[in-house]
C-alpha atoms as a PDB file:
ATOM      1  CA  MET A   1      67.391  91.650  92.760  1.00  0.00           C
ATOM      2  CA  VAL A   2      64.002  92.761  94.036  1.00  0.00           C
ATOM      3  CA  GLY A   3      62.970  91.374  97.438  1.00  0.00           C
ATOM      4  CA  LYS A   4      59.895  89.243  97.932  1.00  0.00           C
ATOM      5  CA  LEU A   5      56.635  91.027  98.656  1.00  0.00           C
ATOM      6  CA  LEU A   6      54.358  90.051 101.510  1.00  0.00           C
ATOM      7  CA  TYR A   7      50.776  91.292 101.253  1.00  0.00           C
ATOM      8  CA  ILE A   8      49.063  91.640 104.633  1.00  0.00           C
ATOM      9  CA  ASP A   9      45.281  91.783 104.640  1.00  0.00           C
ATOM     10  CA  SER A  10      43.044  93.430 107.226  1.00  0.00           C
ATOM     11  CA  SER A  11      42.269  90.228 109.134  1.00  0.00           C
ATOM     12  CA  ALA A  12      45.934  89.570 109.876  1.00  0.00           C
ATOM     13  CA  PHE A  13      46.814  93.210 110.530  1.00  0.00           C
ATOM     14  CA  LEU A  14      43.924  93.845 112.914  1.00  0.00           C
ATOM     15  CA  ARG A  15      44.308  90.601 114.854  1.00  0.00           C
ATOM     16  CA  ARG A  16      47.939  91.565 115.378  1.00  0.00           C
ATOM     17  CA  ILE A  17      47.033  95.075 116.555  1.00  0.00           C
ATOM     18  CA  LEU A  18      44.253  93.838 118.836  1.00  0.00           C
ATOM     19  CA  ARG A  19      46.322  90.840 120.028  1.00  0.00           C
ATOM     20  CA  HIS A  20      43.496  88.456 119.149  1.00  0.00           C
ATOM     21  CA  GLU A  21      43.838  84.756 118.376  1.00  0.00           C
ATOM     22  CA  GLY A  22      46.402  84.216 115.638  1.00  0.00           C
ATOM     23  CA  SER A  23      48.392  87.371 116.380  1.00  0.00           C
ATOM     24  CA  ALA A  24      51.501  85.360 117.303  1.00  0.00           C
ATOM     25  CA  LEU A  25      51.354  83.602 113.913  1.00  0.00           C
ATOM     26  CA  VAL A  26      51.181  86.971 112.172  1.00  0.00           C
ATOM     27  CA  ASP A  27      54.093  88.270 114.247  1.00  0.00           C
ATOM     28  CA  ALA A  28      56.179  85.223 113.327  1.00  0.00           C
ATOM     29  CA  ALA A  29      55.385  85.558 109.605  1.00  0.00           C
ATOM     30  CA  LEU A  30      56.321  89.248 109.663  1.00  0.00           C
ATOM     31  CA  VAL A  31      59.601  88.502 111.450  1.00  0.00           C
ATOM     32  CA  ARG A  32      60.455  85.742 108.928  1.00  0.00           C
ATOM     33  CA  HIS A  33      59.709  88.124 106.103  1.00  0.00           C
ATOM     34  CA  SER A  34      61.572  91.095 107.573  1.00  0.00           C
ATOM     35  CA  THR A  35      64.755  89.035 107.967  1.00  0.00           C
ATOM     36  CA  ALA A  36      64.711  88.013 104.299  1.00  0.00           C
ATOM     37  CA  PRO A  37      66.881  90.207 102.064  1.00  0.00           C
ATOM     38  CA  GLY A  38      64.805  92.949 100.465  1.00  0.00           C
ATOM     39  CA  GLY A  39      61.528  91.787 102.001  1.00  0.00           C
ATOM     40  CA  ARG A  40      58.744  94.350 101.748  1.00  0.00           C
ATOM     41  CA  VAL A  41      55.295  94.354 103.354  1.00  0.00           C
ATOM     42  CA  VAL A  42      52.526  95.817 101.220  1.00  0.00           C
ATOM     43  CA  SER A  43      48.763  96.189 101.342  1.00  0.00           C
ATOM     44  CA  SER A  44      45.904  98.014  99.690  1.00  0.00           C
ATOM     45  CA  ARG A  45      44.531 101.396 100.732  1.00  0.00           C
ATOM     46  CA  LEU A  46      41.670  99.314 102.061  1.00  0.00           C
ATOM     47  CA  LEU A  47      43.872  98.271 104.984  1.00  0.00           C
ATOM     48  CA  ALA A  48      44.246 101.862 106.148  1.00  0.00           C
ATOM     49  CA  LEU A  49      40.510 102.512 105.799  1.00  0.00           C
ATOM     50  CA  GLU A  50      39.419  99.322 107.553  1.00  0.00           C
ATOM     51  CA  SER A  51      41.991  99.731 110.335  1.00  0.00           C
ATOM     52  CA  ARG A  52      41.064 103.302 111.071  1.00  0.00           C
ATOM     53  CA  GLY A  53      37.400 102.285 111.178  1.00  0.00           C
ATOM     54  CA  VAL A  54      38.172  99.611 113.753  1.00  0.00           C
ATOM     55  CA  ALA A  55      40.248 102.115 115.755  1.00  0.00           C
ATOM     56  CA  VAL A  56      37.242 104.473 115.900  1.00  0.00           C
ATOM     57  CA  ARG A  57      34.964 101.645 117.062  1.00  0.00           C
ATOM     58  CA  VAL A  58      37.458 100.475 119.701  1.00  0.00           C
ATOM     59  CA  LYS A  59      37.925 104.046 120.952  1.00  0.00           C
ATOM     60  CA  GLN A  60      34.166 104.282 121.566  1.00  0.00           C
ATOM     61  CA  ASN A  61      34.696 101.444 124.051  1.00  0.00           C
ATOM     62  CA  GLY A  62      37.416 103.392 125.854  1.00  0.00           C
ATOM     63  CA  ASN A  63      40.566 101.977 124.248  1.00  0.00           C
ATOM     64  CA  ASP A  64      42.452 104.333 121.922  1.00  0.00           C
ATOM     65  CA  ILE A  65      44.540 102.251 119.514  1.00  0.00           C
ATOM     66  CA  SER A  66      44.837 104.934 116.827  1.00  0.00           C
ATOM     67  CA  ALA A  67      48.544 105.594 117.528  1.00  0.00           C
ATOM     68  CA  THR A  68      49.303 101.863 117.331  1.00  0.00           C
ATOM     69  CA  VAL A  69      47.379 101.560 114.076  1.00  0.00           C
ATOM     70  CA  ALA A  70      49.177 104.576 112.599  1.00  0.00           C
ATOM     71  CA  ALA A  71      52.618 103.335 113.689  1.00  0.00           C
ATOM     72  CA  ASN A  72      51.995  99.895 112.193  1.00  0.00           C
ATOM     73  CA  LEU A  73      50.576 101.338 108.965  1.00  0.00           C
ATOM     74  CA  ASP A  74      53.802 103.340 108.614  1.00  0.00           C
ATOM     75  CA  THR A  75      55.710 100.052 108.241  1.00  0.00           C
ATOM     76  CA  ILE A  76      53.607  98.954 105.248  1.00  0.00           C
ATOM     77  CA  ASP A  77      53.788 100.200 101.671  1.00  0.00           C
ATOM     78  CA  ILE A  78      50.203 101.139 100.807  1.00  0.00           C
ATOM     79  CA  LEU A  79      49.140 100.376  97.234  1.00  0.00           C
ATOM     80  CA  PRO A  80      46.456 102.216  95.247  1.00  0.00           C
ATOM     81  CA  LEU A  81      43.072 100.898  94.163  1.00  0.00           C
ATOM     82  CA  THR A  82      43.623 101.145  90.423  1.00  0.00           C
ATOM     83  CA  GLU A  83      41.244 100.346  87.590  1.00  0.00           C
ATOM     84  CA  ASP A  84      43.221  97.126  87.088  1.00  0.00           C
ATOM     85  CA  VAL A  85      42.486  96.144  90.706  1.00  0.00           C
ATOM     86  CA  TRP A  86      38.746  96.677  90.163  1.00  0.00           C
ATOM     87  CA  THR A  87      38.841  94.672  86.923  1.00  0.00           C
ATOM     88  CA  ARG A  88      40.772  91.763  88.487  1.00  0.00           C
ATOM     89  CA  ALA A  89      38.497  91.737  91.550  1.00  0.00           C
ATOM     90  CA  SER A  90      35.423  91.593  89.327  1.00  0.00           C
ATOM     91  CA  ALA A  91      36.876  88.597  87.481  1.00  0.00           C
ATOM     92  CA  ILE A  92      37.185  86.420  90.609  1.00  0.00           C
ATOM     93  CA  GLU A  93      34.600  83.694  90.135  1.00  0.00           C
ATOM     94  CA  GLN A  94      34.620  82.197  93.637  1.00  0.00           C
ATOM     95  CA  HIS A  95      32.368  83.489  96.408  1.00  0.00           C
ATOM     96  CA  ILE A  96      34.304  86.211  98.221  1.00  0.00           C
ATOM     97  CA  LYS A  97      33.358  89.412 100.002  1.00  0.00           C
ATOM     98  CA  THR A  98      33.822  92.583  97.974  1.00  0.00           C
ATOM     99  CA  LEU A  99      36.652  94.098 100.029  1.00  0.00           C
ATOM    100  CA  ASP A 100      38.412  90.729 100.180  1.00  0.00           C
ATOM    101  CA  ALA A 101      38.199  90.485  96.386  1.00  0.00           C
ATOM    102  CA  LEU A 102      39.891  93.881  96.142  1.00  0.00           C
ATOM    103  CA  HIS A 103      42.624  92.734  98.541  1.00  0.00           C
ATOM    104  CA  LEU A 104      43.161  89.548  96.515  1.00  0.00           C
ATOM    105  CA  ALA A 105      43.239  91.417  93.216  1.00  0.00           C
ATOM    106  CA  THR A 106      45.885  93.804  94.544  1.00  0.00           C
ATOM    107  CA  CYS A 107      47.931  90.886  95.861  1.00  0.00           C
ATOM    108  CA  LEU A 108      47.702  89.130  92.492  1.00  0.00           C
ATOM    109  CA  ILE A 109      48.747  92.212  90.545  1.00  0.00           C
ATOM    110  CA  VAL A 110      51.905  92.798  92.591  1.00  0.00           C
ATOM    111  CA  GLY A 111      52.768  89.080  92.820  1.00  0.00           C
ATOM    112  CA  ALA A 112      53.039  88.941  96.615  1.00  0.00           C
ATOM    113  CA  ASP A 113      52.609  86.112  99.096  1.00  0.00           C
ATOM    114  CA  LEU A 114      49.405  86.584 101.092  1.00  0.00           C
ATOM    115  CA  LEU A 115      49.300  86.916 104.877  1.00  0.00           C
ATOM    116  CA  THR A 116      45.695  86.379 105.977  1.00  0.00           C
ATOM    117  CA  LEU A 117      43.851  84.743 108.853  1.00  0.00           C
ATOM    118  CA  ASP A 118      40.547  84.653 106.963  1.00  0.00           C
ATOM    119  CA  LYS A 119      39.899  81.016 106.001  1.00  0.00           C
ATOM    120  CA  ASN A 120      37.633  81.758 103.032  1.00  0.00           C
ATOM    121  CA  MET A 121      40.074  84.335 101.697  1.00  0.00           C
ATOM    122  CA  ALA A 122      42.931  81.819 102.029  1.00  0.00           C
ATOM    123  CA  LEU A 123      40.891  79.196 100.177  1.00  0.00           C
ATOM    124  CA  VAL A 124      40.077  81.546  97.300  1.00  0.00           C
ATOM    125  CA  ALA A 125      43.666  82.851  97.233  1.00  0.00           C
ATOM    126  CA  SER A 126      44.997  79.302  96.890  1.00  0.00           C
ATOM    127  CA  SER A 127      42.585  78.594  94.046  1.00  0.00           C
ATOM    128  CA  LEU A 128      43.905  81.728  92.309  1.00  0.00           C
ATOM    129  CA  GLY A 129      47.471  80.468  92.620  1.00  0.00           C
ATOM    130  CA  LEU A 130      48.613  82.799  95.384  1.00  0.00           C
ATOM    131  CA  SER A 131      51.148  81.553  97.901  1.00  0.00           C
ATOM    132  CA  LEU A 132      50.084  81.813 101.522  1.00  0.00           C
ATOM    133  CA  ALA A 133      52.473  83.036 104.211  1.00  0.00           C
ATOM    134  CA  LEU A 134      50.570  80.997 106.808  1.00  0.00           C
ATOM    135  CA  PRO A 135      49.286  77.447 106.366  1.00  0.00           C
ATOM    136  CA  SER A 136      45.529  77.210 106.010  1.00  0.00           C
ATOM    137  CA  ASP A 137      43.451  74.565 107.778  1.00  0.00           C
END
């Protein structure tokens, strides 16, 4: 039996790394998932790109989080941006930012639950039939 997939998007991942509002909710969702038999955390290559970009910006302000980002990325299975991802993202008819559409398309393709703290992304994800790992307001 294959374990359940949990797709973490950049908003949840970065709030956790930076310990911003909502980070405790993300921590709790990851713990719940990691204790489930066969649970796997996945994300798109976009997560690595966006996270490293934030790490560069934060380092310019004197706080080097690159090792923390790298260590946390090592716990996530990174998925490719395939042609199918681009096609599915282009087919989303709700208003959504481009990178968020790519995250959602990847999540849809692999059939994962979505872990996000972005309210618009959660709304669109729900309309697409995705299950959310955190309740949306």
